[in-house]
Amino acid sequence: MKLLVTGGAGYIGSVVTSLLLDAGHQVTVLDDLSTGHQDAIPAGAGFVRARVHDAAEVLDPTYEAVLHFAAKSLVGESVARPELYWENNVVGSLALLDAMRGHGVRRLVFSSTAATYGEPATMPITEDTPPRPTNPYGMTKLTIDMAIAAECAAHGLGAFSLRYFNVAGAHLGAGADLGERHDPETHLIPNLLKVASGVSPEAKLFGSDYPTRDGTCVRDYIHVTDLADAHVRALKRTRADIHDICNLGSGEGFTVREVLDAVRQVTGHPVPAADHPRRPGDPPTLIASNARARELLSWAPTRDITQMAADAWKFTQNH
């Protein structure tokens, strides 16, 4: 199958591209390299340096599907500069849908997010949980989901939106190791590994008085390779005229201190940590139900938090 992967030079997009190539697909990556890395694009994939807005110049009727990862994704930045997120995420995605329609490409897998749900009061979060995003990043992703649903109903697109929670780990041994290289880095495990590597003096734990088993936030984590596998499965299961939405998560959560303990275990480093006040808007617990993904994709995560930390640590040591 001939495929276009937008944002394929990024953390998740590059791992998905690697699995697609392993499955025998012909892949072209479209990425403007604003946050991605050209050396993360797996060998064997074509590459076009361009914005998602310019997809019409890359697509043609020989393409059979698009996997769409190109997006700005920093929550704090989206609050400070929402205009960037509406223009890049929404305008760019609408241009992509126009290009797909114009060239007759009728299959799409979209990288959505748990941020569309906001801060629901009941757990686990299912696809029927009302979406109430609390920041422009989540708002733009929900807007794209709605545009995709309308495109499916009106023009016969078959699409999956995959909403995932905290992605971690690294994809190793695939010719080139693929892991997190964000700047700035906002994710917990890479920041803990910076302490283990001697880059940072100590970790910051935001909030130690939540109503959880050890006072720190509970979050659902998923290994990036498991996540990528779900995208490959979704590609095979798109249905004309149907917009399917699936949460991707473990169905259970880990506290910040439990993640810290996993990092200490795999690194053998004490990883000193200091408690800091809660960050505004951080809910105590966010856990996903993955029942629909099990049903529609025959998918379930296979790697635990220790494996995520271990693979991320190997990637950090090698880079």
Protein backbone atom coordinates (compact mmCIF):
# COMPACT_ATOMS: atom_id res chain seq x y z
CA MET A 1 0.00 0.00 0.00
CA LYS A 2 1.31 3.47 -0.88
CA LEU A 3 1.00 5.76 2.13
CA LEU A 4 1.66 9.34 3.21
CA VAL A 5 2.70 9.94 6.82
CA THR A 6 2.48 13.57 7.88
CA GLY A 7 4.75 14.42 10.80
CA GLY A 8 6.72 11.24 10.19
CA ALA A 9 9.98 12.78 11.45
CA GLY A 10 8.53 13.17 14.94
CA TYR A 11 8.62 10.79 17.91
CA ILE A 12 5.42 8.84 17.24
CA GLY A 13 5.26 9.35 13.49
CA SER A 14 8.76 7.93 12.97
CA VAL A 15 7.96 4.76 14.92
CA VAL A 16 4.72 4.26 12.97
CA THR A 17 6.66 4.77 9.73
CA SER A 18 9.14 2.09 10.81
CA LEU A 19 6.37 -0.45 11.47
CA LEU A 20 4.65 0.40 8.18
CA LEU A 21 7.88 -0.24 6.29
CA ASP A 22 8.33 -3.52 8.17
CA ALA A 23 4.82 -4.48 7.01
CA GLY A 24 5.84 -3.96 3.38
CA HIS A 25 4.16 -0.62 2.70
CA GLN A 26 5.60 2.13 0.49
CA VAL A 27 5.84 5.24 2.69
CA THR A 28 6.46 8.91 2.02
CA VAL A 29 7.01 11.18 5.01
CA LEU A 30 5.84 14.79 4.85
CA ASP A 31 7.36 16.92 7.63
CA ASP A 32 8.49 20.54 7.91
CA LEU A 33 11.10 19.58 10.56
CA SER A 34 9.91 22.34 12.88
CA THR A 35 9.93 19.82 15.72
CA GLY A 36 10.88 16.57 13.97
CA HIS A 37 14.33 15.27 13.07
CA GLN A 38 15.31 14.19 9.58
CA ASP A 39 17.62 11.49 10.96
CA ALA A 40 14.60 9.91 12.69
CA ILE A 41 12.96 9.10 9.35
CA PRO A 42 13.51 5.35 8.88
CA ALA A 43 15.61 4.18 5.95
CA GLY A 44 13.41 3.16 3.07
CA ALA A 45 10.88 5.97 3.44
CA GLY A 46 10.65 8.82 0.99
CA PHE A 47 10.82 12.33 2.41
CA VAL A 48 9.29 15.65 1.39
CA ARG A 49 10.10 18.69 3.52
CA ALA A 50 6.87 20.68 3.54
CA ARG A 51 4.00 21.76 5.76
CA VAL A 52 0.85 19.68 5.96
CA HIS A 53 -0.85 22.66 4.30
CA ASP A 54 0.99 21.66 1.10
CA ALA A 55 -0.17 18.03 1.01
CA ALA A 56 -1.96 18.57 -2.31
CA GLU A 57 1.43 18.97 -3.97
CA VAL A 58 2.60 15.61 -2.64
CA LEU A 59 -0.49 13.40 -2.84
CA ASP A 60 -1.71 11.83 -6.06
CA PRO A 61 -4.32 9.18 -6.87
CA THR A 62 -1.78 6.36 -6.41
CA TYR A 63 -1.76 6.95 -2.64
CA GLU A 64 -4.19 4.72 -0.76
CA ALA A 65 -4.15 6.25 2.72
CA VAL A 66 -2.78 8.97 4.97
CA LEU A 67 -1.62 8.72 8.58
CA HIS A 68 -1.72 12.21 10.06
CA PHE A 69 0.61 13.18 12.93
CA ALA A 70 1.68 16.69 11.93
CA ALA A 71 0.62 19.03 14.73
CA LYS A 72 1.80 21.40 17.39
CA SER A 73 1.28 19.69 20.74
CA LEU A 74 2.54 21.77 23.68
CA VAL A 75 -0.34 22.56 26.01
CA GLY A 76 1.34 25.57 27.63
CA GLU A 77 2.28 27.07 24.29
CA SER A 78 -1.26 26.56 23.03
CA VAL A 79 -2.56 28.67 25.92
CA ALA A 80 0.01 31.42 25.36
CA ARG A 81 -0.21 31.42 21.54
CA PRO A 82 -3.51 29.80 20.50
CA GLU A 83 -3.36 31.33 17.04
CA LEU A 84 -0.44 29.05 16.15
CA TYR A 85 -2.49 25.99 17.05
CA TRP A 86 -5.62 26.99 15.14
CA GLU A 87 -3.61 27.84 12.05
CA ASN A 88 -1.27 24.85 12.10
CA ASN A 89 -3.47 22.10 13.48
CA VAL A 90 -6.90 23.02 12.12
CA VAL A 91 -6.15 24.96 8.93
CA GLY A 92 -3.43 22.48 8.01
CA SER A 93 -5.70 19.49 8.62
CA LEU A 94 -8.51 21.01 6.57
CA ALA A 95 -6.03 21.50 3.73
CA LEU A 96 -5.05 17.84 4.07
CA LEU A 97 -8.69 16.71 3.90
CA ASP A 98 -9.19 18.86 0.80
CA ALA A 99 -6.11 17.32 -0.81
CA MET A 100 -7.22 13.79 0.01
CA ARG A 101 -10.69 14.42 -1.41
CA GLY A 102 -9.22 16.00 -4.56
CA HIS A 103 -6.98 13.01 -5.23
CA GLY A 104 -9.49 10.34 -4.21
CA VAL A 105 -7.53 9.16 -1.16
CA ARG A 106 -10.26 7.78 1.08
CA ARG A 107 -8.53 6.24 4.13
CA LEU A 108 -7.18 8.20 7.11
CA VAL A 109 -5.70 7.42 10.53
CA PHE A 110 -5.53 10.53 12.71
CA SER A 111 -3.36 11.10 15.77
CA SER A 112 -5.86 12.58 18.20
CA THR A 113 -5.41 12.98 21.96
CA ALA A 114 -6.88 12.43 25.40
CA ALA A 115 -6.75 16.22 25.75
CA THR A 116 -10.07 16.28 23.90
CA TYR A 117 -11.71 14.99 27.10
CA GLY A 118 -10.36 17.67 29.42
CA GLU A 119 -10.75 16.70 33.08
CA PRO A 120 -13.60 14.18 33.35
CA ALA A 121 -14.86 13.32 36.82
CA THR A 122 -15.33 9.58 36.23
CA MET A 123 -12.74 6.95 35.37
CA PRO A 124 -11.87 5.15 33.24
CA ILE A 125 -12.38 7.49 30.30
CA THR A 126 -14.34 5.90 27.47
CA GLU A 127 -15.07 7.14 23.97
CA ASP A 128 -18.55 8.08 25.24
CA THR A 129 -17.11 10.45 27.84
CA PRO A 130 -18.24 13.96 26.79
CA PRO A 131 -15.32 15.88 25.26
CA ARG A 132 -14.60 19.08 27.18
CA PRO A 133 -11.08 20.22 26.31
CA THR A 134 -9.57 22.76 28.68
CA ASN A 135 -6.85 24.20 26.43
CA PRO A 136 -6.48 25.26 22.79
CA TYR A 137 -4.39 22.19 21.95
CA GLY A 138 -7.24 19.87 22.95
CA MET A 139 -9.78 22.18 21.30
CA THR A 140 -7.96 22.05 17.96
CA LYS A 141 -7.69 18.27 18.05
CA LEU A 142 -11.40 17.93 18.84
CA THR A 143 -12.20 20.31 15.99
CA ILE A 144 -10.24 18.11 13.59
CA ASP A 145 -12.05 15.02 14.87
CA MET A 146 -15.35 16.75 14.09
CA ALA A 147 -14.16 17.77 10.61
CA ILE A 148 -13.12 14.18 9.90
CA ALA A 149 -16.51 12.87 11.02
CA ALA A 150 -18.23 15.28 8.63
CA GLU A 151 -15.90 14.28 5.80
CA CYS A 152 -16.73 10.61 6.38
CA ALA A 153 -20.48 11.26 6.35
CA ALA A 154 -20.47 13.53 3.30
CA HIS A 155 -17.69 12.19 1.10
CA GLY A 156 -17.13 8.52 1.92
CA LEU A 157 -13.89 8.85 3.86
CA GLY A 158 -13.07 5.94 6.17
CA ALA A 159 -11.16 7.12 9.23
CA PHE A 160 -9.90 6.30 12.69
CA SER A 161 -9.12 8.90 15.33
CA LEU A 162 -6.84 7.40 17.96
CA ARG A 163 -6.90 9.25 21.28
CA TYR A 164 -3.96 8.40 23.46
CA PHE A 165 -2.73 9.32 26.86
CA ASN A 166 0.94 9.38 27.99
CA VAL A 167 3.29 7.87 25.41
CA ALA A 168 6.70 6.68 26.59
CA GLY A 169 9.60 4.38 25.79
CA ALA A 170 11.62 4.01 22.61
CA HIS A 171 11.56 1.78 19.53
CA LEU A 172 14.91 -0.03 19.53
CA GLY A 173 16.78 -2.19 17.08
CA ALA A 174 15.02 -0.96 13.96
CA GLY A 175 18.15 0.08 12.09
CA ALA A 176 18.09 3.33 14.06
CA ASP A 177 16.75 3.73 17.58
CA LEU A 178 13.71 6.00 17.72
CA GLY A 179 12.87 7.88 20.92
CA GLU A 180 11.89 11.19 22.45
CA ARG A 181 13.88 14.30 21.50
CA HIS A 182 11.57 17.14 22.36
CA ASP A 183 12.72 20.70 22.94
CA PRO A 184 11.48 21.72 25.40
CA GLU A 185 10.95 18.31 27.01
CA THR A 186 7.72 18.23 29.00
CA HIS A 187 7.26 14.48 29.53
CA LEU A 188 7.94 12.83 32.87
CA ILE A 189 10.15 9.85 31.97
CA PRO A 190 12.66 11.76 29.77
CA ASN A 191 12.94 14.44 32.44
CA LEU A 192 13.60 11.81 35.12
CA LEU A 193 16.24 10.27 32.85
CA LYS A 194 17.93 13.66 32.56
CA VAL A 195 18.57 13.41 36.29
CA ALA A 196 19.89 9.86 35.97
CA SER A 197 22.17 11.07 33.15
CA GLY A 198 23.52 13.97 35.20
CA VAL A 199 21.96 16.60 32.96
CA SER A 200 19.60 17.84 35.70
CA PRO A 201 20.35 17.88 39.45
CA GLU A 202 16.96 16.65 40.66
CA ALA A 203 13.45 15.85 39.49
CA LYS A 204 10.45 18.04 40.25
CA LEU A 205 7.28 16.33 41.49
CA PHE A 206 4.32 18.68 41.06
CA GLY A 207 1.75 17.94 43.73
CA SER A 208 2.10 15.48 46.61
CA ASP A 209 -1.32 15.97 48.21
CA TYR A 210 -3.68 14.49 45.61
CA PRO A 211 -6.32 11.94 46.74
CA THR A 212 -4.33 9.05 45.26
CA ARG A 213 -2.48 6.09 46.78
CA ASP A 214 0.74 8.06 47.35
CA GLY A 215 -0.39 11.66 46.92
CA THR A 216 0.92 12.15 43.37
CA CYS A 217 -1.03 12.24 40.11
CA VAL A 218 -2.07 9.00 38.41
CA ARG A 219 -1.61 8.79 34.65
CA ASP A 220 -2.08 6.10 32.00
CA TYR A 221 1.10 5.23 30.08
CA ILE A 222 1.54 3.38 26.81
CA HIS A 223 4.72 2.21 25.08
CA VAL A 224 5.36 3.97 21.77
CA THR A 225 5.78 0.64 19.94
CA ASP A 226 2.42 -0.61 21.22
CA LEU A 227 0.93 2.70 20.15
CA ALA A 228 2.41 2.42 16.67
CA ASP A 229 1.06 -1.11 16.33
CA ALA A 230 -2.46 0.23 16.95
CA HIS A 231 -2.04 2.67 14.03
CA VAL A 232 -1.00 -0.12 11.67
CA ARG A 233 -4.02 -2.13 12.75
CA ALA A 234 -6.35 0.87 12.32
CA LEU A 235 -5.10 1.38 8.78
CA LYS A 236 -6.39 -2.07 7.84
CA ARG A 237 -9.75 -1.54 9.50
CA THR A 238 -10.98 1.80 8.16
CA ARG A 239 -14.55 1.59 6.84
CA ALA A 240 -15.98 3.83 4.12
CA ASP A 241 -18.35 6.49 5.48
CA ILE A 242 -17.38 5.63 9.08
CA HIS A 243 -15.38 7.69 11.58
CA ASP A 244 -14.23 5.40 14.38
CA ILE A 245 -12.74 6.77 17.61
CA CYS A 246 -10.59 4.61 19.89
CA ASN A 247 -8.81 5.40 23.12
CA LEU A 248 -5.36 3.87 23.45
CA GLY A 249 -4.15 3.24 26.97
CA SER A 250 -3.28 0.52 29.42
CA GLY A 251 -6.56 0.64 31.31
CA GLU A 252 -4.62 1.23 34.51
CA GLY A 253 -2.55 4.07 35.89
CA PHE A 254 0.74 4.76 37.61
CA THR A 255 1.48 7.51 40.08
CA VAL A 256 4.35 9.89 39.51
CA ARG A 257 6.23 8.22 42.38
CA GLU A 258 5.68 4.77 40.82
CA VAL A 259 7.15 6.02 37.55
CA LEU A 260 10.05 7.48 39.52
CA ASP A 261 10.61 4.11 41.17
CA ALA A 262 10.64 2.38 37.77
CA VAL A 263 13.27 4.81 36.50
CA ARG A 264 15.38 4.27 39.62
CA GLN A 265 15.11 0.51 39.10
CA VAL A 266 16.23 0.45 35.46
CA THR A 267 18.96 3.09 35.79
CA GLY A 268 20.38 2.12 39.16
CA HIS A 269 20.50 5.84 39.93
CA PRO A 270 18.92 7.37 43.06
CA VAL A 271 17.24 10.12 40.97
CA PRO A 272 16.73 12.68 43.74
CA ALA A 273 13.33 14.37 43.58
CA ALA A 274 11.79 17.38 45.29
CA ASP A 275 8.11 18.06 45.91
CA HIS A 276 6.67 21.20 44.36
CA PRO A 277 3.16 22.72 44.48
CA ARG A 278 0.47 21.39 42.16
CA ARG A 279 0.31 22.83 38.67
CA PRO A 280 -2.99 24.53 37.89
CA GLY A 281 -5.36 22.28 35.96
CA ASP A 282 -3.67 18.97 36.73
CA PRO A 283 -6.44 16.48 37.64
CA PRO A 284 -5.62 13.75 40.17
CA THR A 285 -6.28 10.80 37.86
CA LEU A 286 -6.55 10.16 34.11
CA ILE A 287 -7.00 6.54 32.99
CA ALA A 288 -8.28 5.27 29.65
CA SER A 289 -10.57 2.38 28.89
CA ASN A 290 -9.16 0.43 25.94
CA ALA A 291 -12.19 -1.84 25.52
CA ARG A 292 -13.14 -0.37 22.14
CA ALA A 293 -9.59 -0.71 20.80
CA ARG A 294 -9.61 -4.35 21.87
CA GLU A 295 -12.90 -4.83 20.03
CA LEU A 296 -12.28 -2.89 16.82
CA LEU A 297 -8.51 -3.30 16.45
CA SER A 298 -7.89 -6.60 18.27
CA TRP A 299 -5.25 -4.58 20.10
CA ALA A 300 -3.90 -4.56 23.62
CA PRO A 301 -0.69 -3.09 25.08
CA THR A 302 2.08 -5.61 25.74
CA ARG A 303 4.81 -3.54 27.47
CA ASP A 304 4.66 -2.30 31.07
CA ILE A 305 6.01 0.84 32.73
CA THR A 306 9.33 -0.84 33.55
CA GLN A 307 9.83 -1.72 29.88
CA MET A 308 8.98 1.85 28.89
CA ALA A 309 11.55 3.25 31.30
CA ALA A 310 14.18 0.66 30.29
CA ASP A 311 13.81 1.32 26.56
CA ALA A 312 13.83 5.10 27.07
CA TRP A 313 16.99 4.72 29.19
CA LYS A 314 18.74 2.71 26.45
CA PHE A 315 17.81 5.37 23.92
CA THR A 316 19.11 8.12 26.21
CA GLN A 317 22.41 6.30 26.73
CA ASN A 318 22.86 5.82 22.99
CA HIS A 319 22.12 9.45 22.20
